[in-house]
């Protein structure tokens, strides 16, 4: 059975704890990269990461895009969205369907 984890700054991810999701607070590029890699090795099937943290580690995010598990999903932080997550969804829909239906 796979687990779900959320990675980001404390203010953005703490609310996920109430949902029973494992929460991992990080403060910078090194912490974010190390945490995502650790979660991927430890049977986390879905890793939510804030767009701000994901923007610091694009190479790590791209590496997991090529893998089936874990699914790395970008979410907005409490400071708002950078539209990175929505752009990724649009690209994936376009790749799957052949046109952007969103």
Foldseek 3Di string as FASTA:
>chain_A
DAAEEEEEACQFFVVCVVVVHHYDYDDAQVRLLVVVVVSQVVRHQEYEYEPVNCVSPVVSQVVCVVPNGRHYAYDHGPVGHPCPRVVVVQVVVCVVVVHRPD
